[in-house]
Amino acid sequence: MNLAVSDTIDANQFDEYGLLKDAQAWSEPLAKAIASDLGVGTLTDAHWLIIYTLRDHYTRYGTPPVMHRVCQEAGIERRQVNELFGYCLNAWRVAGLPNPGEEATSYLSNM
């Protein structure tokens, strides 16, 4: 997966799966650019709720959260993540989190 290079997105910031190499480099403008590049569209309050829930969990625990836990914490149904982002790996990408490892990446891309 390669994100297009734009004014906001530097392709060197991402790995071969389109995941940000350094979570500290994330910003809201970058999230908007990634979302646009992925075809997610304009980020709504519901998107931001998922994004910040993912980022908060990753910051606190240093591990990828289980998506049903994210949904629980955000107070949304699981299907809404797919409606908002296409699938979970896109949510992870827009949240600017680094590669969680091969097994988790496979899990996120199949949901």
PDB file of N, CA and C in Angstrom:
ATOM      1  N   MET A   1       0.857  -1.183   0.000  1.00  0.00           N
ATOM      2  CA  MET A   1       0.000   0.000   0.000  1.00  0.00           C
ATOM      3  C   MET A   1       0.885   1.221   0.000  1.00  0.00           C
ATOM      4  N   ASN A   2       0.712   2.047  -0.963  1.00  0.00           N
ATOM      5  CA  ASN A   2       1.473   3.292  -1.015  1.00  0.00           C
ATOM      6  C   ASN A   2       0.518   4.467  -1.021  1.00  0.00           C
ATOM      7  N   LEU A   3       0.714   5.370  -0.085  1.00  0.00           N
ATOM      8  CA  LEU A   3      -0.068   6.592  -0.076  1.00  0.00           C
ATOM      9  C   LEU A   3       0.544   7.538  -1.087  1.00  0.00           C
ATOM     10  N   ALA A   4      -0.297   8.317  -1.722  1.00  0.00           N
ATOM     11  CA  ALA A   4       0.189   9.295  -2.688  1.00  0.00           C
ATOM     12  C   ALA A   4       0.999  10.358  -1.963  1.00  0.00           C
ATOM     13  N   VAL A   5       1.994  10.854  -2.638  1.00  0.00           N
ATOM     14  CA  VAL A   5       2.802  11.918  -2.062  1.00  0.00           C
ATOM     15  C   VAL A   5       2.080  13.236  -2.342  1.00  0.00           C
ATOM     16  N   SER A   6       1.820  13.995  -1.298  1.00  0.00           N
ATOM     17  CA  SER A   6       1.168  15.296  -1.448  1.00  0.00           C
ATOM     18  C   SER A   6       1.937  16.304  -0.611  1.00  0.00           C
ATOM     19  N   ASP A   7       1.389  17.510  -0.516  1.00  0.00           N
ATOM     20  CA  ASP A   7       2.033  18.536   0.297  1.00  0.00           C
ATOM     21  C   ASP A   7       2.120  18.118   1.757  1.00  0.00           C
ATOM     22  N   THR A   8       1.151  17.336   2.215  1.00  0.00           N
ATOM     23  CA  THR A   8       1.095  16.928   3.615  1.00  0.00           C
ATOM     24  C   THR A   8       1.716  15.560   3.841  1.00  0.00           C
ATOM     25  N   ILE A   9       1.688  14.710   2.826  1.00  0.00           N
ATOM     26  CA  ILE A   9       2.157  13.337   2.990  1.00  0.00           C
ATOM     27  C   ILE A   9       3.501  13.140   2.309  1.00  0.00           C
ATOM     28  N   ASP A  10       4.469  12.711   3.093  1.00  0.00           N
ATOM     29  CA  ASP A  10       5.785  12.329   2.592  1.00  0.00           C
ATOM     30  C   ASP A  10       5.826  10.807   2.616  1.00  0.00           C
ATOM     31  N   ALA A  11       5.917  10.188   1.462  1.00  0.00           N
ATOM     32  CA  ALA A  11       5.863   8.728   1.365  1.00  0.00           C
ATOM     33  C   ALA A  11       6.912   8.044   2.234  1.00  0.00           C
ATOM     34  N   ASN A  12       8.025   8.710   2.513  1.00  0.00           N
ATOM     35  CA  ASN A  12       9.073   8.110   3.339  1.00  0.00           C
ATOM     36  C   ASN A  12       8.669   7.950   4.803  1.00  0.00           C
ATOM     37  N   GLN A  13       7.572   8.607   5.199  1.00  0.00           N
ATOM     38  CA  GLN A  13       7.085   8.505   6.574  1.00  0.00           C
ATOM     39  C   GLN A  13       6.347   7.185   6.822  1.00  0.00           C
ATOM     40  N   PHE A  14       6.072   6.440   5.757  1.00  0.00           N
ATOM     41  CA  PHE A  14       5.215   5.264   5.849  1.00  0.00           C
ATOM     42  C   PHE A  14       5.938   3.990   5.449  1.00  0.00           C
ATOM     43  N   ASP A  15       5.496   2.875   6.036  1.00  0.00           N
ATOM     44  CA  ASP A  15       6.056   1.580   5.652  1.00  0.00           C
ATOM     45  C   ASP A  15       5.310   1.033   4.436  1.00  0.00           C
ATOM     46  N   GLU A  16       5.625  -0.187   4.059  1.00  0.00           N
ATOM     47  CA  GLU A  16       5.023  -0.783   2.859  1.00  0.00           C
ATOM     48  C   GLU A  16       3.525  -1.044   3.003  1.00  0.00           C
ATOM     49  N   TYR A  17       2.988  -0.975   4.220  1.00  0.00           N
ATOM     50  CA  TYR A  17       1.552  -1.172   4.450  1.00  0.00           C
ATOM     51  C   TYR A  17       0.808   0.161   4.568  1.00  0.00           C
ATOM     52  N   GLY A  18       1.504   1.269   4.381  1.00  0.00           N
ATOM     53  CA  GLY A  18       0.887   2.580   4.509  1.00  0.00           C
ATOM     54  C   GLY A  18       0.701   3.018   5.942  1.00  0.00           C
ATOM     55  N   LEU A  19       1.489   2.431   6.845  1.00  0.00           N
ATOM     56  CA  LEU A  19       1.416   2.769   8.271  1.00  0.00           C
ATOM     57  C   LEU A  19       2.550   3.719   8.625  1.00  0.00           C
ATOM     58  N   LEU A  20       2.224   4.727   9.412  1.00  0.00           N
ATOM     59  CA  LEU A  20       3.198   5.727   9.818  1.00  0.00           C
ATOM     60  C   LEU A  20       4.308   5.063  10.629  1.00  0.00           C
ATOM     61  N   LYS A  21       5.538   5.328  10.257  1.00  0.00           N
ATOM     62  CA  LYS A  21       6.674   4.728  10.966  1.00  0.00           C
ATOM     63  C   LYS A  21       6.853   5.304  12.366  1.00  0.00           C
ATOM     64  N   ASP A  22       6.563   6.593  12.528  1.00  0.00           N
ATOM     65  CA  ASP A  22       6.756   7.269  13.814  1.00  0.00           C
ATOM     66  C   ASP A  22       5.438   7.906  14.243  1.00  0.00           C
ATOM     67  N   ALA A  23       4.784   7.336  15.251  1.00  0.00           N
ATOM     68  CA  ALA A  23       3.486   7.836  15.715  1.00  0.00           C
ATOM     69  C   ALA A  23       3.573   9.287  16.191  1.00  0.00           C
ATOM     70  N   GLN A  24       4.756   9.729  16.590  1.00  0.00           N
ATOM     71  CA  GLN A  24       4.931  11.111  17.060  1.00  0.00           C
ATOM     72  C   GLN A  24       4.834  12.123  15.911  1.00  0.00           C
ATOM     73  N   ALA A  25       4.983  11.655  14.684  1.00  0.00           N
ATOM     74  CA  ALA A  25       4.905  12.542  13.525  1.00  0.00           C
ATOM     75  C   ALA A  25       3.461  12.841  13.120  1.00  0.00           C
ATOM     76  N   TRP A  26       2.504  12.188  13.770  1.00  0.00           N
ATOM     77  CA  TRP A  26       1.091  12.335  13.442  1.00  0.00           C
ATOM     78  C   TRP A  26       0.573  13.717  13.825  1.00  0.00           C
ATOM     79  N   SER A  27      -0.370  14.203  13.036  1.00  0.00           N
ATOM     80  CA  SER A  27      -1.081  15.452  13.333  1.00  0.00           C
ATOM     81  C   SER A  27      -2.467  15.343  12.714  1.00  0.00           C
ATOM     82  N   GLU A  28      -3.364  16.204  13.132  1.00  0.00           N
ATOM     83  CA  GLU A  28      -4.703  16.183  12.540  1.00  0.00           C
ATOM     84  C   GLU A  28      -4.667  16.491  11.039  1.00  0.00           C
ATOM     85  N   PRO A  29      -3.867  17.476  10.586  1.00  0.00           N
ATOM     86  CA  PRO A  29      -3.802  17.697   9.139  1.00  0.00           C
ATOM     87  C   PRO A  29      -3.283  16.458   8.387  1.00  0.00           C
ATOM     88  N   LEU A  30      -2.326  15.750   8.972  1.00  0.00           N
ATOM     89  CA  LEU A  30      -1.835  14.531   8.338  1.00  0.00           C
ATOM     90  C   LEU A  30      -2.933  13.480   8.296  1.00  0.00           C
ATOM     91  N   ALA A  31      -3.700  13.350   9.375  1.00  0.00           N
ATOM     92  CA  ALA A  31      -4.815  12.399   9.409  1.00  0.00           C
ATOM     93  C   ALA A  31      -5.811  12.712   8.299  1.00  0.00           C
ATOM     94  N   LYS A  32      -6.107  13.980   8.102  1.00  0.00           N
ATOM     95  CA  LYS A  32      -7.047  14.381   7.053  1.00  0.00           C
ATOM     96  C   LYS A  32      -6.509  14.023   5.678  1.00  0.00           C
ATOM     97  N   ALA A  33      -5.212  14.220   5.480  1.00  0.00           N
ATOM     98  CA  ALA A  33      -4.594  13.893   4.191  1.00  0.00           C
ATOM     99  C   ALA A  33      -4.594  12.385   3.953  1.00  0.00           C
ATOM    100  N   ILE A  34      -4.281  11.609   4.990  1.00  0.00           N
ATOM    101  CA  ILE A  34      -4.296  10.147   4.860  1.00  0.00           C
ATOM    102  C   ILE A  34      -5.711   9.680   4.538  1.00  0.00           C
ATOM    103  N   ALA A  35      -6.696  10.199   5.266  1.00  0.00           N
ATOM    104  CA  ALA A  35      -8.093   9.817   5.038  1.00  0.00           C
ATOM    105  C   ALA A  35      -8.510  10.125   3.601  1.00  0.00           C
ATOM    106  N   SER A  36      -8.127  11.283   3.127  1.00  0.00           N
ATOM    107  CA  SER A  36      -8.443  11.659   1.751  1.00  0.00           C
ATOM    108  C   SER A  36      -7.791  10.708   0.768  1.00  0.00           C
ATOM    109  N   ASP A  37      -6.524  10.403   1.005  1.00  0.00           N
ATOM    110  CA  ASP A  37      -5.767   9.512   0.130  1.00  0.00           C
ATOM    111  C   ASP A  37      -6.375   8.103   0.093  1.00  0.00           C
ATOM    112  N   LEU A  38      -6.925   7.670   1.220  1.00  0.00           N
ATOM    113  CA  LEU A  38      -7.521   6.335   1.308  1.00  0.00           C
ATOM    114  C   LEU A  38      -8.966   6.299   0.822  1.00  0.00           C
ATOM    115  N   GLY A  39      -9.517   7.457   0.484  1.00  0.00           N
ATOM    116  CA  GLY A  39     -10.904   7.516   0.043  1.00  0.00           C
ATOM    117  C   GLY A  39     -11.910   7.496   1.180  1.00  0.00           C
ATOM    118  N   VAL A  40     -11.438   7.765   2.399  1.00  0.00           N
ATOM    119  CA  VAL A  40     -12.319   7.776   3.568  1.00  0.00           C
ATOM    120  C   VAL A  40     -13.227   9.003   3.536  1.00  0.00           C
ATOM    121  N   GLY A  41     -12.731  10.087   2.974  1.00  0.00           N
ATOM    122  CA  GLY A  41     -13.518  11.305   2.887  1.00  0.00           C
ATOM    123  C   GLY A  41     -13.267  12.231   4.060  1.00  0.00           C
ATOM    124  N   THR A  42     -14.169  13.163   4.243  1.00  0.00           N
ATOM    125  CA  THR A  42     -14.060  14.146   5.317  1.00  0.00           C
ATOM    126  C   THR A  42     -14.239  13.460   6.665  1.00  0.00           C
ATOM    127  N   LEU A  43     -13.344  13.764   7.589  1.00  0.00           N
ATOM    128  CA  LEU A  43     -13.415  13.163   8.919  1.00  0.00           C
ATOM    129  C   LEU A  43     -14.462  13.873   9.766  1.00  0.00           C
ATOM    130  N   THR A  44     -15.414  13.088  10.251  1.00  0.00           N
ATOM    131  CA  THR A  44     -16.501  13.592  11.082  1.00  0.00           C
ATOM    132  C   THR A  44     -16.165  13.395  12.558  1.00  0.00           C
ATOM    133  N   ASP A  45     -17.044  13.862  13.419  1.00  0.00           N
ATOM    134  CA  ASP A  45     -16.849  13.648  14.858  1.00  0.00           C
ATOM    135  C   ASP A  45     -16.741  12.162  15.180  1.00  0.00           C
ATOM    136  N   ALA A  46     -17.502  11.328  14.491  1.00  0.00           N
ATOM    137  CA  ALA A  46     -17.446   9.877  14.723  1.00  0.00           C
ATOM    138  C   ALA A  46     -16.078   9.319  14.340  1.00  0.00           C
ATOM    139  N   HIS A  47     -15.504   9.802  13.231  1.00  0.00           N
ATOM    140  CA  HIS A  47     -14.155   9.390  12.834  1.00  0.00           C
ATOM    141  C   HIS A  47     -13.146   9.770  13.922  1.00  0.00           C
ATOM    142  N   TRP A  48     -13.221  11.045  14.355  1.00  0.00           N
ATOM    143  CA  TRP A  48     -12.265  11.530  15.345  1.00  0.00           C
ATOM    144  C   TRP A  48     -12.383  10.760  16.649  1.00  0.00           C
ATOM    145  N   LEU A  49     -13.587  10.360  17.018  1.00  0.00           N
ATOM    146  CA  LEU A  49     -13.769   9.574  18.235  1.00  0.00           C
ATOM    147  C   LEU A  49     -13.002   8.261  18.135  1.00  0.00           C
ATOM    148  N   ILE A  50     -13.111   7.582  17.011  1.00  0.00           N
ATOM    149  CA  ILE A  50     -12.377   6.322  16.794  1.00  0.00           C
ATOM    150  C   ILE A  50     -10.877   6.592  16.760  1.00  0.00           C
ATOM    151  N   ILE A  51     -10.472   7.608  16.023  1.00  0.00           N
ATOM    152  CA  ILE A  51      -9.043   7.935  15.899  1.00  0.00           C
ATOM    153  C   ILE A  51      -8.427   8.178  17.269  1.00  0.00           C
ATOM    154  N   TYR A  52      -9.057   9.022  18.068  1.00  0.00           N
ATOM    155  CA  TYR A  52      -8.485   9.348  19.373  1.00  0.00           C
ATOM    156  C   TYR A  52      -8.605   8.194  20.365  1.00  0.00           C
ATOM    157  N   THR A  53      -9.601   7.355  20.216  1.00  0.00           N
ATOM    158  CA  THR A  53      -9.685   6.165  21.070  1.00  0.00           C
ATOM    159  C   THR A  53      -8.533   5.218  20.742  1.00  0.00           C
ATOM    160  N   LEU A  54      -8.249   5.021  19.453  1.00  0.00           N
ATOM    161  CA  LEU A  54      -7.112   4.192  19.046  1.00  0.00           C
ATOM    162  C   LEU A  54      -5.801   4.775  19.566  1.00  0.00           C
ATOM    163  N   ARG A  55      -5.607   6.074  19.363  1.00  0.00           N
ATOM    164  CA  ARG A  55      -4.359   6.715  19.779  1.00  0.00           C
ATOM    165  C   ARG A  55      -4.184   6.663  21.297  1.00  0.00           C
ATOM    166  N   ASP A  56      -5.270   6.887  22.023  1.00  0.00           N
ATOM    167  CA  ASP A  56      -5.195   6.865  23.481  1.00  0.00           C
ATOM    168  C   ASP A  56      -4.791   5.481  23.979  1.00  0.00           C
ATOM    169  N   HIS A  57      -5.418   4.448  23.426  1.00  0.00           N
ATOM    170  CA  HIS A  57      -5.082   3.092  23.850  1.00  0.00           C
ATOM    171  C   HIS A  57      -3.617   2.776  23.532  1.00  0.00           C
ATOM    172  N   TYR A  58      -3.188   3.136  22.323  1.00  0.00           N
ATOM    173  CA  TYR A  58      -1.805   2.857  21.930  1.00  0.00           C
ATOM    174  C   TYR A  58      -0.822   3.613  22.825  1.00  0.00           C
ATOM    175  N   THR A  59      -1.137   4.868  23.155  1.00  0.00           N
ATOM    176  CA  THR A  59      -0.269   5.662  24.023  1.00  0.00           C
ATOM    177  C   THR A  59      -0.181   5.049  25.421  1.00  0.00           C
ATOM    178  N   ARG A  60      -1.323   4.618  25.945  1.00  0.00           N
ATOM    179  CA  ARG A  60      -1.346   4.049  27.298  1.00  0.00           C
ATOM    180  C   ARG A  60      -0.682   2.685  27.383  1.00  0.00           C
ATOM    181  N   TYR A  61      -0.893   1.831  26.398  1.00  0.00           N
ATOM    182  CA  TYR A  61      -0.450   0.436  26.510  1.00  0.00           C
ATOM    183  C   TYR A  61       0.647   0.024  25.534  1.00  0.00           C
ATOM    184  N   GLY A  62       0.883   0.821  24.492  1.00  0.00           N
ATOM    185  CA  GLY A  62       1.919   0.495  23.522  1.00  0.00           C
ATOM    186  C   GLY A  62       1.599  -0.696  22.652  1.00  0.00           C
ATOM    187  N   THR A  63       0.337  -1.082  22.624  1.00  0.00           N
ATOM    188  CA  THR A  63      -0.095  -2.226  21.824  1.00  0.00           C
ATOM    189  C   THR A  63      -1.352  -1.873  21.052  1.00  0.00           C
ATOM    190  N   PRO A  64      -1.612  -2.603  19.992  1.00  0.00           N
ATOM    191  CA  PRO A  64      -2.858  -2.358  19.262  1.00  0.00           C
ATOM    192  C   PRO A  64      -4.058  -2.825  20.092  1.00  0.00           C
ATOM    193  N   PRO A  65      -5.093  -2.019  20.147  1.00  0.00           N
ATOM    194  CA  PRO A  65      -6.278  -2.431  20.885  1.00  0.00           C
ATOM    195  C   PRO A  65      -7.106  -3.423  20.077  1.00  0.00           C
ATOM    196  N   VAL A  66      -7.845  -4.238  20.764  1.00  0.00           N
ATOM    197  CA  VAL A  66      -8.808  -5.104  20.105  1.00  0.00           C
ATOM    198  C   VAL A  66      -9.952  -4.196  19.664  1.00  0.00           C
ATOM    199  N   MET A  67     -10.391  -4.322  18.415  1.00  0.00           N
ATOM    200  CA  MET A  67     -11.363  -3.382  17.883  1.00  0.00           C
ATOM    201  C   MET A  67     -12.681  -3.395  18.641  1.00  0.00           C
ATOM    202  N   HIS A  68     -13.103  -4.538  19.168  1.00  0.00           N
ATOM    203  CA  HIS A  68     -14.360  -4.501  19.920  1.00  0.00           C
ATOM    204  C   HIS A  68     -14.203  -3.653  21.189  1.00  0.00           C
ATOM    205  N   ARG A  69     -12.991  -3.582  21.734  1.00  0.00           N
ATOM    206  CA  ARG A  69     -12.717  -2.733  22.895  1.00  0.00           C
ATOM    207  C   ARG A  69     -12.788  -1.259  22.487  1.00  0.00           C
ATOM    208  N   VAL A  70     -12.237  -0.927  21.326  1.00  0.00           N
ATOM    209  CA  VAL A  70     -12.303   0.442  20.821  1.00  0.00           C
ATOM    210  C   VAL A  70     -13.766   0.857  20.657  1.00  0.00           C
ATOM    211  N   CYS A  71     -14.558  -0.028  20.073  1.00  0.00           N
ATOM    212  CA  CYS A  71     -15.976   0.258  19.858  1.00  0.00           C
ATOM    213  C   CYS A  71     -16.690   0.459  21.188  1.00  0.00           C
ATOM    214  N   GLN A  72     -16.357  -0.388  22.147  1.00  0.00           N
ATOM    215  CA  GLN A  72     -16.942  -0.275  23.481  1.00  0.00           C
ATOM    216  C   GLN A  72     -16.605   1.079  24.105  1.00  0.00           C
ATOM    217  N   GLU A  73     -15.325   1.428  24.082  1.00  0.00           N
ATOM    218  CA  GLU A  73     -14.876   2.684  24.681  1.00  0.00           C
ATOM    219  C   GLU A  73     -15.468   3.898  23.973  1.00  0.00           C
ATOM    220  N   ALA A  74     -15.631   3.794  22.645  1.00  0.00           N
ATOM    221  CA  ALA A  74     -16.162   4.907  21.866  1.00  0.00           C
ATOM    222  C   ALA A  74     -17.692   4.932  21.874  1.00  0.00           C
ATOM    223  N   GLY A  75     -18.305   3.846  22.332  1.00  0.00           N
ATOM    224  CA  GLY A  75     -19.759   3.776  22.373  1.00  0.00           C
ATOM    225  C   GLY A  75     -20.410   3.648  21.013  1.00  0.00           C
ATOM    226  N   ILE A  76     -19.734   2.932  20.100  1.00  0.00           N
ATOM    227  CA  ILE A  76     -20.303   2.715  18.771  1.00  0.00           C
ATOM    228  C   ILE A  76     -20.371   1.227  18.474  1.00  0.00           C
ATOM    229  N   GLU A  77     -21.148   0.873  17.481  1.00  0.00           N
ATOM    230  CA  GLU A  77     -21.234  -0.520  17.046  1.00  0.00           C
ATOM    231  C   GLU A  77     -20.069  -0.831  16.124  1.00  0.00           C
ATOM    232  N   ARG A  78     -19.653  -2.078  16.133  1.00  0.00           N
ATOM    233  CA  ARG A  78     -18.503  -2.541  15.348  1.00  0.00           C
ATOM    234  C   ARG A  78     -18.652  -2.230  13.866  1.00  0.00           C
ATOM    235  N   ARG A  79     -19.845  -2.417  13.323  1.00  0.00           N
ATOM    236  CA  ARG A  79     -20.051  -2.187  11.884  1.00  0.00           C
ATOM    237  C   ARG A  79     -19.796  -0.733  11.489  1.00  0.00           C
ATOM    238  N   GLN A  80     -19.938   0.195  12.454  1.00  0.00           N
ATOM    239  CA  GLN A  80     -19.729   1.605  12.160  1.00  0.00           C
ATOM    240  C   GLN A  80     -18.279   1.915  11.793  1.00  0.00           C
ATOM    241  N   VAL A  81     -17.339   1.171  12.357  1.00  0.00           N
ATOM    242  CA  VAL A  81     -15.929   1.400  11.999  1.00  0.00           C
ATOM    243  C   VAL A  81     -15.745   1.128  10.513  1.00  0.00           C
ATOM    244  N   ASN A  82     -16.312   0.024  10.030  1.00  0.00           N
ATOM    245  CA  ASN A  82     -16.210  -0.282   8.604  1.00  0.00           C
ATOM    246  C   ASN A  82     -16.942   0.747   7.758  1.00  0.00           C
ATOM    247  N   GLU A  83     -18.090   1.211   8.236  1.00  0.00           N
ATOM    248  CA  GLU A  83     -18.818   2.242   7.496  1.00  0.00           C
ATOM    249  C   GLU A  83     -18.009   3.531   7.419  1.00  0.00           C
ATOM    250  N   LEU A  84     -17.290   3.839   8.472  1.00  0.00           N
ATOM    251  CA  LEU A  84     -16.520   5.077   8.526  1.00  0.00           C
ATOM    252  C   LEU A  84     -15.192   4.999   7.772  1.00  0.00           C
ATOM    253  N   PHE A  85     -14.487   3.872   7.917  1.00  0.00           N
ATOM    254  CA  PHE A  85     -13.118   3.772   7.396  1.00  0.00           C
ATOM    255  C   PHE A  85     -12.928   2.744   6.283  1.00  0.00           C
ATOM    256  N   GLY A  86     -13.916   1.947   5.981  1.00  0.00           N
ATOM    257  CA  GLY A  86     -13.751   0.876   5.003  1.00  0.00           C
ATOM    258  C   GLY A  86     -13.400  -0.415   5.700  1.00  0.00           C
ATOM    259  N   TYR A  87     -12.339  -0.412   6.472  1.00  0.00           N
ATOM    260  CA  TYR A  87     -11.980  -1.523   7.354  1.00  0.00           C
ATOM    261  C   TYR A  87     -10.993  -1.017   8.400  1.00  0.00           C
ATOM    262  N   CYS A  88     -10.752  -1.843   9.394  1.00  0.00           N
ATOM    263  CA  CYS A  88     -10.013  -1.416  10.589  1.00  0.00           C
ATOM    264  C   CYS A  88      -8.592  -0.931  10.301  1.00  0.00           C
ATOM    265  N   LEU A  89      -7.921  -1.540   9.344  1.00  0.00           N
ATOM    266  CA  LEU A  89      -6.548  -1.115   9.061  1.00  0.00           C
ATOM    267  C   LEU A  89      -6.519   0.343   8.590  1.00  0.00           C
ATOM    268  N   ASN A  90      -7.547   0.774   7.875  1.00  0.00           N
ATOM    269  CA  ASN A  90      -7.597   2.181   7.478  1.00  0.00           C
ATOM    270  C   ASN A  90      -7.744   3.088   8.690  1.00  0.00           C
ATOM    271  N   ALA A  91      -8.519   2.668   9.674  1.00  0.00           N
ATOM    272  CA  ALA A  91      -8.649   3.460  10.908  1.00  0.00           C
ATOM    273  C   ALA A  91      -7.290   3.575  11.580  1.00  0.00           C
ATOM    274  N   TRP A  92      -6.557   2.473  11.622  1.00  0.00           N
ATOM    275  CA  TRP A  92      -5.217   2.445  12.211  1.00  0.00           C
ATOM    276  C   TRP A  92      -4.290   3.390  11.455  1.00  0.00           C
ATOM    277  N   ARG A  93      -4.390   3.369  10.110  1.00  0.00           N
ATOM    278  CA  ARG A  93      -3.549   4.256   9.293  1.00  0.00           C
ATOM    279  C   ARG A  93      -3.862   5.723   9.574  1.00  0.00           C
ATOM    280  N   VAL A  94      -5.151   6.075   9.562  1.00  0.00           N
ATOM    281  CA  VAL A  94      -5.543   7.462   9.769  1.00  0.00           C
ATOM    282  C   VAL A  94      -5.169   7.929  11.175  1.00  0.00           C
ATOM    283  N   ALA A  95      -5.224   7.019  12.142  1.00  0.00           N
ATOM    284  CA  ALA A  95      -4.833   7.352  13.513  1.00  0.00           C
ATOM    285  C   ALA A  95      -3.323   7.544  13.634  1.00  0.00           C
ATOM    286  N   GLY A  96      -2.583   7.207  12.584  1.00  0.00           N
ATOM    287  CA  GLY A  96      -1.144   7.462  12.566  1.00  0.00           C
ATOM    288  C   GLY A  96      -0.336   6.551  13.453  1.00  0.00           C
ATOM    289  N   LEU A  97      -0.832   5.339  13.642  1.00  0.00           N
ATOM    290  CA  LEU A  97      -0.120   4.410  14.518  1.00  0.00           C
ATOM    291  C   LEU A  97       0.817   3.525  13.697  1.00  0.00           C
ATOM    292  N   PRO A  98       1.949   3.147  14.294  1.00  0.00           N
ATOM    293  CA  PRO A  98       2.936   2.352  13.557  1.00  0.00           C
ATOM    294  C   PRO A  98       2.470   0.914  13.355  1.00  0.00           C
ATOM    295  N   ASN A  99       3.212   0.222  12.543  1.00  0.00           N
ATOM    296  CA  ASN A  99       2.905  -1.177  12.227  1.00  0.00           C
ATOM    297  C   ASN A  99       2.819  -1.998  13.513  1.00  0.00           C
ATOM    298  N   PRO A 100       1.661  -2.640  13.754  1.00  0.00           N
ATOM    299  CA  PRO A 100       1.493  -3.402  14.984  1.00  0.00           C
ATOM    300  C   PRO A 100       2.050  -4.820  14.905  1.00  0.00           C
ATOM    301  N   GLY A 101       2.660  -5.166  13.781  1.00  0.00           N
ATOM    302  CA  GLY A 101       3.192  -6.510  13.601  1.00  0.00           C
ATOM    303  C   GLY A 101       2.362  -7.268  12.577  1.00  0.00           C
ATOM    304  N   GLU A 102       2.950  -8.298  12.032  1.00  0.00           N
ATOM    305  CA  GLU A 102       2.328  -9.032  10.936  1.00  0.00           C
ATOM    306  C   GLU A 102       0.964  -9.630  11.299  1.00  0.00           C
ATOM    307  N   GLU A 103       0.875 -10.257  12.445  1.00  0.00           N
ATOM    308  CA  GLU A 103      -0.395 -10.895  12.833  1.00  0.00           C
ATOM    309  C   GLU A 103      -1.500  -9.863  13.031  1.00  0.00           C
ATOM    310  N   ALA A 104      -1.197  -8.782  13.733  1.00  0.00           N
ATOM    311  CA  ALA A 104      -2.206  -7.744  13.979  1.00  0.00           C
ATOM    312  C   ALA A 104      -2.578  -7.028  12.682  1.00  0.00           C
ATOM    313  N   THR A 105      -1.601  -6.793  11.807  1.00  0.00           N
ATOM    314  CA  THR A 105      -1.889  -6.153  10.528  1.00  0.00           C
ATOM    315  C   THR A 105      -2.831  -7.010   9.709  1.00  0.00           C
ATOM    316  N   SER A 106      -2.589  -8.306   9.691  1.00  0.00           N
ATOM    317  CA  SER A 106      -3.480  -9.221   8.974  1.00  0.00           C
ATOM    318  C   SER A 106      -4.877  -9.185   9.570  1.00  0.00           C
ATOM    319  N   TYR A 107      -4.962  -9.190  10.886  1.00  0.00           N
ATOM    320  CA  TYR A 107      -6.246  -9.137  11.598  1.00  0.00           C
ATOM    321  C   TYR A 107      -6.988  -7.852  11.245  1.00  0.00           C
ATOM    322  N   LEU A 108      -6.304  -6.716  11.296  1.00  0.00           N
ATOM    323  CA  LEU A 108      -6.929  -5.427  11.023  1.00  0.00           C
ATOM    324  C   LEU A 108      -7.366  -5.292   9.573  1.00  0.00           C
ATOM    325  N   SER A 109      -6.638  -5.901   8.656  1.00  0.00           N
ATOM    326  CA  SER A 109      -6.993  -5.763   7.243  1.00  0.00           C
ATOM    327  C   SER A 109      -8.122  -6.689   6.839  1.00  0.00           C
ATOM    328  N   ASN A 110      -8.482  -7.627   7.693  1.00  0.00           N
ATOM    329  CA  ASN A 110      -9.587  -8.541   7.392  1.00  0.00           C
ATOM    330  C   ASN A 110     -10.868  -8.159   8.100  1.00  0.00           C
ATOM    331  N   MET A 111     -10.875  -7.024   8.765  1.00  0.00           N
ATOM    332  CA  MET A 111     -12.071  -6.601   9.492  1.00  0.00           C
ATOM    333  C   MET A 111     -12.655  -5.357   8.885  1.00  0.00           C
TER     334      MET A 111
END
